[in-house]
Amino acid sequence: MKLYAQHGAQAGERWRKGIRRSLIDGVIYATRYISRESPEQIKKFQEQFPSSERLFDSQFYAAFFGEDSDARLVIC
């Protein structure tokens, strides 16, 4: 079984420590919190930790609004 850290709004250094210590296998990025600078940061992360995995949480949500309304898909 693999273990991943969530990288989101308050990204800290714990996931880097986890990878360095071989406690986790990679990072799941929350696309909602990816900024313009993030692609460069992700590339640096890949160079620093080439054996780690990077996954992306696309954050799709389906919801019904009201009793007779149609289903709506919300993408964050």
PDB file of N, CA and C in Angstrom:
ATOM      1  N   MET A   1       0.845  -1.175   0.000  1.00  0.00           N
ATOM      2  CA  MET A   1       0.000   0.000   0.000  1.00  0.00           C
ATOM      3  C   MET A   1       0.890   1.238   0.000  1.00  0.00           C
ATOM      4  N   LYS A   2       0.484   2.223  -0.769  1.00  0.00           N
ATOM      5  CA  LYS A   2       1.255   3.461  -0.847  1.00  0.00           C
ATOM      6  C   LYS A   2       0.583   4.538   0.007  1.00  0.00           C
ATOM      7  N   LEU A   3       1.408   5.464   0.466  1.00  0.00           N
ATOM      8  CA  LEU A   3       0.922   6.548   1.308  1.00  0.00           C
ATOM      9  C   LEU A   3       1.332   7.874   0.681  1.00  0.00           C
ATOM     10  N   TYR A   4       0.373   8.803   0.588  1.00  0.00           N
ATOM     11  CA  TYR A   4       0.613  10.105  -0.034  1.00  0.00           C
ATOM     12  C   TYR A   4       0.246  11.222   0.929  1.00  0.00           C
ATOM     13  N   ALA A   5       0.882  12.367   0.746  1.00  0.00           N
ATOM     14  CA  ALA A   5       0.561  13.564   1.519  1.00  0.00           C
ATOM     15  C   ALA A   5      -0.253  14.505   0.639  1.00  0.00           C
ATOM     16  N   GLN A   6      -1.220  15.193   1.240  1.00  0.00           N
ATOM     17  CA  GLN A   6      -2.018  16.176   0.513  1.00  0.00           C
ATOM     18  C   GLN A   6      -1.288  17.513   0.536  1.00  0.00           C
ATOM     19  N   HIS A   7      -1.127  18.115  -0.619  1.00  0.00           N
ATOM     20  CA  HIS A   7      -0.482  19.425  -0.757  1.00  0.00           C
ATOM     21  C   HIS A   7      -1.584  20.405  -1.119  1.00  0.00           C
ATOM     22  N   GLY A   8      -1.948  21.286  -0.175  1.00  0.00           N
ATOM     23  CA  GLY A   8      -3.082  22.170  -0.422  1.00  0.00           C
ATOM     24  C   GLY A   8      -2.809  23.617  -0.069  1.00  0.00           C
ATOM     25  N   ALA A   9      -3.819  24.271   0.498  1.00  0.00           N
ATOM     26  CA  ALA A   9      -3.770  25.710   0.760  1.00  0.00           C
ATOM     27  C   ALA A   9      -2.647  26.101   1.707  1.00  0.00           C
ATOM     28  N   GLN A  10      -2.396  25.307   2.720  1.00  0.00           N
ATOM     29  CA  GLN A  10      -1.358  25.633   3.694  1.00  0.00           C
ATOM     30  C   GLN A  10      -0.210  24.638   3.590  1.00  0.00           C
ATOM     31  N   ALA A  11       0.378  24.637   2.430  1.00  0.00           N
ATOM     32  CA  ALA A  11       1.457  23.669   2.179  1.00  0.00           C
ATOM     33  C   ALA A  11       2.660  23.975   3.065  1.00  0.00           C
ATOM     34  N   GLY A  12       3.085  22.964   3.784  1.00  0.00           N
ATOM     35  CA  GLY A  12       4.242  23.118   4.656  1.00  0.00           C
ATOM     36  C   GLY A  12       5.392  22.256   4.195  1.00  0.00           C
ATOM     37  N   GLU A  13       6.225  21.903   5.113  1.00  0.00           N
ATOM     38  CA  GLU A  13       7.415  21.107   4.802  1.00  0.00           C
ATOM     39  C   GLU A  13       7.265  19.650   5.225  1.00  0.00           C
ATOM     40  N   ARG A  14       6.160  19.283   5.837  1.00  0.00           N
ATOM     41  CA  ARG A  14       6.019  17.907   6.332  1.00  0.00           C
ATOM     42  C   ARG A  14       6.120  16.873   5.224  1.00  0.00           C
ATOM     43  N   TRP A  15       5.540  17.152   4.055  1.00  0.00           N
ATOM     44  CA  TRP A  15       5.579  16.174   2.971  1.00  0.00           C
ATOM     45  C   TRP A  15       6.998  15.973   2.473  1.00  0.00           C
ATOM     46  N   ARG A  16       7.804  17.034   2.455  1.00  0.00           N
ATOM     47  CA  ARG A  16       9.216  16.873   2.047  1.00  0.00           C
ATOM     48  C   ARG A  16       9.961  15.989   3.055  1.00  0.00           C
ATOM     49  N   LYS A  17       9.713  16.231   4.329  1.00  0.00           N
ATOM     50  CA  LYS A  17      10.352  15.407   5.359  1.00  0.00           C
ATOM     51  C   LYS A  17       9.918  13.956   5.234  1.00  0.00           C
ATOM     52  N   GLY A  18       8.640  13.744   4.949  1.00  0.00           N
ATOM     53  CA  GLY A  18       8.125  12.383   4.798  1.00  0.00           C
ATOM     54  C   GLY A  18       8.770  11.647   3.645  1.00  0.00           C
ATOM     55  N   ILE A  19       8.997  12.349   2.540  1.00  0.00           N
ATOM     56  CA  ILE A  19       9.642  11.725   1.381  1.00  0.00           C
ATOM     57  C   ILE A  19      11.117  11.463   1.669  1.00  0.00           C
ATOM     58  N   ARG A  20      11.788  12.435   2.279  1.00  0.00           N
ATOM     59  CA  ARG A  20      13.215  12.243   2.608  1.00  0.00           C
ATOM     60  C   ARG A  20      13.423  11.039   3.522  1.00  0.00           C
ATOM     61  N   ARG A  21      12.497  10.832   4.448  1.00  0.00           N
ATOM     62  CA  ARG A  21      12.603   9.720   5.397  1.00  0.00           C
ATOM     63  C   ARG A  21      11.985   8.428   4.866  1.00  0.00           C
ATOM     64  N   SER A  22      11.497   8.458   3.638  1.00  0.00           N
ATOM     65  CA  SER A  22      10.844   7.302   3.001  1.00  0.00           C
ATOM     66  C   SER A  22       9.610   6.839   3.766  1.00  0.00           C
ATOM     67  N   LEU A  23       8.888   7.791   4.353  1.00  0.00           N
ATOM     68  CA  LEU A  23       7.654   7.477   5.064  1.00  0.00           C
ATOM     69  C   LEU A  23       6.437   7.551   4.149  1.00  0.00           C
ATOM     70  N   ILE A  24       6.527   8.369   3.096  1.00  0.00           N
ATOM     71  CA  ILE A  24       5.445   8.492   2.132  1.00  0.00           C
ATOM     72  C   ILE A  24       6.003   8.302   0.723  1.00  0.00           C
ATOM     73  N   ASP A  25       5.099   8.003  -0.206  1.00  0.00           N
ATOM     74  CA  ASP A  25       5.513   7.708  -1.577  1.00  0.00           C
ATOM     75  C   ASP A  25       5.374   8.892  -2.527  1.00  0.00           C
ATOM     76  N   GLY A  26       4.633   9.902  -2.129  1.00  0.00           N
ATOM     77  CA  GLY A  26       4.448  11.029  -3.023  1.00  0.00           C
ATOM     78  C   GLY A  26       3.487  12.053  -2.475  1.00  0.00           C
ATOM     79  N   VAL A  27       3.037  12.923  -3.380  1.00  0.00           N
ATOM     80  CA  VAL A  27       2.205  14.068  -3.007  1.00  0.00           C
ATOM     81  C   VAL A  27       0.977  14.112  -3.911  1.00  0.00           C
ATOM     82  N   ILE A  28      -0.169  14.465  -3.322  1.00  0.00           N
ATOM     83  CA  ILE A  28      -1.383  14.730  -4.083  1.00  0.00           C
ATOM     84  C   ILE A  28      -1.604  16.238  -4.054  1.00  0.00           C
ATOM     85  N   TYR A  29      -1.532  16.863  -5.218  1.00  0.00           N
ATOM     86  CA  TYR A  29      -1.732  18.311  -5.320  1.00  0.00           C
ATOM     87  C   TYR A  29      -3.212  18.624  -5.465  1.00  0.00           C
ATOM     88  N   ALA A  30      -3.695  19.582  -4.708  1.00  0.00           N
ATOM     89  CA  ALA A  30      -5.057  20.071  -4.848  1.00  0.00           C
ATOM     90  C   ALA A  30      -5.048  21.154  -5.923  1.00  0.00           C
ATOM     91  N   THR A  31      -5.642  20.872  -7.071  1.00  0.00           N
ATOM     92  CA  THR A  31      -5.587  21.813  -8.187  1.00  0.00           C
ATOM     93  C   THR A  31      -6.215  23.158  -7.855  1.00  0.00           C
ATOM     94  N   ARG A  32      -7.083  23.170  -6.902  1.00  0.00           N
ATOM     95  CA  ARG A  32      -7.727  24.421  -6.483  1.00  0.00           C
ATOM     96  C   ARG A  32      -6.702  25.433  -5.977  1.00  0.00           C
ATOM     97  N   TYR A  33      -5.601  24.942  -5.432  1.00  0.00           N
ATOM     98  CA  TYR A  33      -4.609  25.819  -4.816  1.00  0.00           C
ATOM     99  C   TYR A  33      -3.336  25.973  -5.645  1.00  0.00           C
ATOM    100  N   ILE A  34      -3.348  25.506  -6.872  1.00  0.00           N
ATOM    101  CA  ILE A  34      -2.166  25.642  -7.710  1.00  0.00           C
ATOM    102  C   ILE A  34      -2.115  27.060  -8.278  1.00  0.00           C
ATOM    103  N   SER A  35      -1.010  27.714  -8.063  1.00  0.00           N
ATOM    104  CA  SER A  35      -0.836  29.089  -8.545  1.00  0.00           C
ATOM    105  C   SER A  35      -0.019  29.088  -9.831  1.00  0.00           C
ATOM    106  N   ARG A  36       0.238  30.260 -10.366  1.00  0.00           N
ATOM    107  CA  ARG A  36       1.048  30.370 -11.591  1.00  0.00           C
ATOM    108  C   ARG A  36       2.467  29.862 -11.375  1.00  0.00           C
ATOM    109  N   GLU A  37       2.970  29.989 -10.153  1.00  0.00           N
ATOM    110  CA  GLU A  37       4.332  29.560  -9.847  1.00  0.00           C
ATOM    111  C   GLU A  37       4.422  28.052  -9.625  1.00  0.00           C
ATOM    112  N   SER A  38       3.324  27.407  -9.405  1.00  0.00           N
ATOM    113  CA  SER A  38       3.323  25.989  -9.045  1.00  0.00           C
ATOM    114  C   SER A  38       3.967  25.065 -10.064  1.00  0.00           C
ATOM    115  N   PRO A  39       3.752  25.246 -11.385  1.00  0.00           N
ATOM    116  CA  PRO A  39       4.423  24.327 -12.319  1.00  0.00           C
ATOM    117  C   PRO A  39       5.938  24.297 -12.144  1.00  0.00           C
ATOM    118  N   GLU A  40       6.547  25.425 -11.875  1.00  0.00           N
ATOM    119  CA  GLU A  40       7.999  25.450 -11.636  1.00  0.00           C
ATOM    120  C   GLU A  40       8.340  24.733 -10.334  1.00  0.00           C
ATOM    121  N   GLN A  41       7.520  24.927  -9.308  1.00  0.00           N
ATOM    122  CA  GLN A  41       7.754  24.260  -8.022  1.00  0.00           C
ATOM    123  C   GLN A  41       7.595  22.752  -8.169  1.00  0.00           C
ATOM    124  N   ILE A  42       6.600  22.327  -8.943  1.00  0.00           N
ATOM    125  CA  ILE A  42       6.383  20.894  -9.165  1.00  0.00           C
ATOM    126  C   ILE A  42       7.565  20.296  -9.924  1.00  0.00           C
ATOM    127  N   LYS A  43       8.091  21.031 -10.889  1.00  0.00           N
ATOM    128  CA  LYS A  43       9.259  20.563 -11.643  1.00  0.00           C
ATOM    129  C   LYS A  43      10.472  20.420 -10.730  1.00  0.00           C
ATOM    130  N   LYS A  44      10.696  21.394  -9.829  1.00  0.00           N
ATOM    131  CA  LYS A  44      11.808  21.316  -8.872  1.00  0.00           C
ATOM    132  C   LYS A  44      11.625  20.121  -7.942  1.00  0.00           C
ATOM    133  N   PHE A  45      10.374  19.900  -7.513  1.00  0.00           N
ATOM    134  CA  PHE A  45      10.067  18.764  -6.650  1.00  0.00           C
ATOM    135  C   PHE A  45      10.422  17.460  -7.355  1.00  0.00           C
ATOM    136  N   GLN A  46      10.082  17.380  -8.638  1.00  0.00           N
ATOM    137  CA  GLN A  46      10.392  16.182  -9.426  1.00  0.00           C
ATOM    138  C   GLN A  46      11.894  15.965  -9.531  1.00  0.00           C
ATOM    139  N   GLU A  47      12.641  17.045  -9.687  1.00  0.00           N
ATOM    140  CA  GLU A  47      14.101  16.934  -9.776  1.00  0.00           C
ATOM    141  C   GLU A  47      14.711  16.533  -8.441  1.00  0.00           C
ATOM    142  N   GLN A  48      14.172  17.060  -7.329  1.00  0.00           N
ATOM    143  CA  GLN A  48      14.697  16.740  -5.996  1.00  0.00           C
ATOM    144  C   GLN A  48      14.370  15.314  -5.579  1.00  0.00           C
ATOM    145  N   PHE A  49      13.170  14.866  -5.926  1.00  0.00           N
ATOM    146  CA  PHE A  49      12.692  13.555  -5.493  1.00  0.00           C
ATOM    147  C   PHE A  49      12.197  12.760  -6.703  1.00  0.00           C
ATOM    148  N   PRO A  50      13.105  12.309  -7.575  1.00  0.00           N
ATOM    149  CA  PRO A  50      12.686  11.663  -8.826  1.00  0.00           C
ATOM    150  C   PRO A  50      11.919  10.356  -8.649  1.00  0.00           C
ATOM    151  N   SER A  51      12.098   9.657  -7.551  1.00  0.00           N
ATOM    152  CA  SER A  51      11.391   8.390  -7.363  1.00  0.00           C
ATOM    153  C   SER A  51      10.011   8.573  -6.737  1.00  0.00           C
ATOM    154  N   SER A  52       9.676   9.795  -6.303  1.00  0.00           N
ATOM    155  CA  SER A  52       8.370  10.033  -5.692  1.00  0.00           C
ATOM    156  C   SER A  52       7.300  10.202  -6.764  1.00  0.00           C
ATOM    157  N   GLU A  53       6.064  10.046  -6.352  1.00  0.00           N
ATOM    158  CA  GLU A  53       4.940  10.173  -7.275  1.00  0.00           C
ATOM    159  C   GLU A  53       4.197  11.473  -7.020  1.00  0.00           C
ATOM    160  N   ARG A  54       3.639  12.037  -8.090  1.00  0.00           N
ATOM    161  CA  ARG A  54       2.863  13.266  -8.000  1.00  0.00           C
ATOM    162  C   ARG A  54       1.495  13.004  -8.615  1.00  0.00           C
ATOM    163  N   LEU A  55       0.465  13.194  -7.827  1.00  0.00           N
ATOM    164  CA  LEU A  55      -0.905  13.011  -8.297  1.00  0.00           C
ATOM    165  C   LEU A  55      -1.644  14.340  -8.168  1.00  0.00           C
ATOM    166  N   PHE A  56      -2.738  14.484  -8.924  1.00  0.00           N
ATOM    167  CA  PHE A  56      -3.514  15.713  -8.894  1.00  0.00           C
ATOM    168  C   PHE A  56      -4.966  15.397  -8.574  1.00  0.00           C
ATOM    169  N   ASP A  57      -5.502  16.082  -7.578  1.00  0.00           N
ATOM    170  CA  ASP A  57      -6.906  15.954  -7.192  1.00  0.00           C
ATOM    171  C   ASP A  57      -7.669  17.000  -8.002  1.00  0.00           C
ATOM    172  N   SER A  58      -8.415  16.545  -8.983  1.00  0.00           N
ATOM    173  CA  SER A  58      -9.088  17.483  -9.889  1.00  0.00           C
ATOM    174  C   SER A  58     -10.268  18.195  -9.237  1.00  0.00           C
ATOM    175  N   GLN A  59     -10.754  17.702  -8.140  1.00  0.00           N
ATOM    176  CA  GLN A  59     -11.812  18.321  -7.341  1.00  0.00           C
ATOM    177  C   GLN A  59     -13.068  18.620  -8.154  1.00  0.00           C
ATOM    178  N   PHE A  60     -13.721  17.572  -8.600  1.00  0.00           N
ATOM    179  CA  PHE A  60     -15.018  17.684  -9.245  1.00  0.00           C
ATOM    180  C   PHE A  60     -16.086  17.407  -8.204  1.00  0.00           C
ATOM    181  N   TYR A  61     -17.142  18.195  -8.194  1.00  0.00           N
ATOM    182  CA  TYR A  61     -18.238  18.005  -7.250  1.00  0.00           C
ATOM    183  C   TYR A  61     -19.556  18.004  -8.017  1.00  0.00           C
ATOM    184  N   ALA A  62     -20.411  17.041  -7.746  1.00  0.00           N
ATOM    185  CA  ALA A  62     -21.743  17.009  -8.340  1.00  0.00           C
ATOM    186  C   ALA A  62     -22.739  17.328  -7.243  1.00  0.00           C
ATOM    187  N   ALA A  63     -23.730  18.159  -7.560  1.00  0.00           N
ATOM    188  CA  ALA A  63     -24.682  18.560  -6.534  1.00  0.00           C
ATOM    189  C   ALA A  63     -26.057  18.819  -7.145  1.00  0.00           C
ATOM    190  N   PHE A  64     -27.082  18.695  -6.317  1.00  0.00           N
ATOM    191  CA  PHE A  64     -28.442  19.063  -6.691  1.00  0.00           C
ATOM    192  C   PHE A  64     -28.806  20.309  -5.888  1.00  0.00           C
ATOM    193  N   PHE A  65     -29.380  21.282  -6.574  1.00  0.00           N
ATOM    194  CA  PHE A  65     -29.792  22.519  -5.910  1.00  0.00           C
ATOM    195  C   PHE A  65     -31.316  22.602  -5.980  1.00  0.00           C
ATOM    196  N   GLY A  66     -31.981  22.579  -4.843  1.00  0.00           N
ATOM    197  CA  GLY A  66     -33.442  22.635  -4.818  1.00  0.00           C
ATOM    198  C   GLY A  66     -34.055  21.274  -5.070  1.00  0.00           C
ATOM    199  N   GLU A  67     -35.364  21.205  -4.915  1.00  0.00           N
ATOM    200  CA  GLU A  67     -36.062  19.926  -5.036  1.00  0.00           C
ATOM    201  C   GLU A  67     -36.180  19.439  -6.475  1.00  0.00           C
ATOM    202  N   ASP A  68     -36.530  20.307  -7.404  1.00  0.00           N
ATOM    203  CA  ASP A  68     -36.790  19.892  -8.782  1.00  0.00           C
ATOM    204  C   ASP A  68     -35.701  20.335  -9.757  1.00  0.00           C
ATOM    205  N   SER A  69     -34.551  20.702  -9.245  1.00  0.00           N
ATOM    206  CA  SER A  69     -33.508  21.223 -10.133  1.00  0.00           C
ATOM    207  C   SER A  69     -32.695  20.094 -10.757  1.00  0.00           C
ATOM    208  N   ASP A  70     -32.030  20.429 -11.834  1.00  0.00           N
ATOM    209  CA  ASP A  70     -31.155  19.469 -12.518  1.00  0.00           C
ATOM    210  C   ASP A  70     -29.847  19.347 -11.760  1.00  0.00           C
ATOM    211  N   ALA A  71     -29.155  18.245 -12.017  1.00  0.00           N
ATOM    212  CA  ALA A  71     -27.827  18.054 -11.411  1.00  0.00           C
ATOM    213  C   ALA A  71     -26.844  19.030 -12.034  1.00  0.00           C
ATOM    214  N   ARG A  72     -25.937  19.519 -11.246  1.00  0.00           N
ATOM    215  CA  ARG A  72     -24.916  20.453 -11.725  1.00  0.00           C
ATOM    216  C   ARG A  72     -23.554  19.917 -11.350  1.00  0.00           C
ATOM    217  N   LEU A  73     -22.605  20.112 -12.234  1.00  0.00           N
ATOM    218  CA  LEU A  73     -21.237  19.717 -11.982  1.00  0.00           C
ATOM    219  C   LEU A  73     -20.424  20.975 -11.702  1.00  0.00           C
ATOM    220  N   VAL A  74     -19.774  21.010 -10.561  1.00  0.00           N
ATOM    221  CA  VAL A  74     -18.973  22.154 -10.169  1.00  0.00           C
ATOM    222  C   VAL A  74     -17.513  21.724 -10.217  1.00  0.00           C
ATOM    223  N   ILE A  75     -16.693  22.451 -10.948  1.00  0.00           N
ATOM    224  CA  ILE A  75     -15.270  22.141 -11.058  1.00  0.00           C
ATOM    225  C   ILE A  75     -14.485  23.242 -10.380  1.00  0.00           C
ATOM    226  N   CYS A  76     -13.700  22.873  -9.404  1.00  0.00           N
ATOM    227  CA  CYS A  76     -12.878  23.859  -8.680  1.00  0.00           C
ATOM    228  C   CYS A  76     -11.440  23.767  -9.122  1.00  0.00           C
TER     229      CYS A  76
END
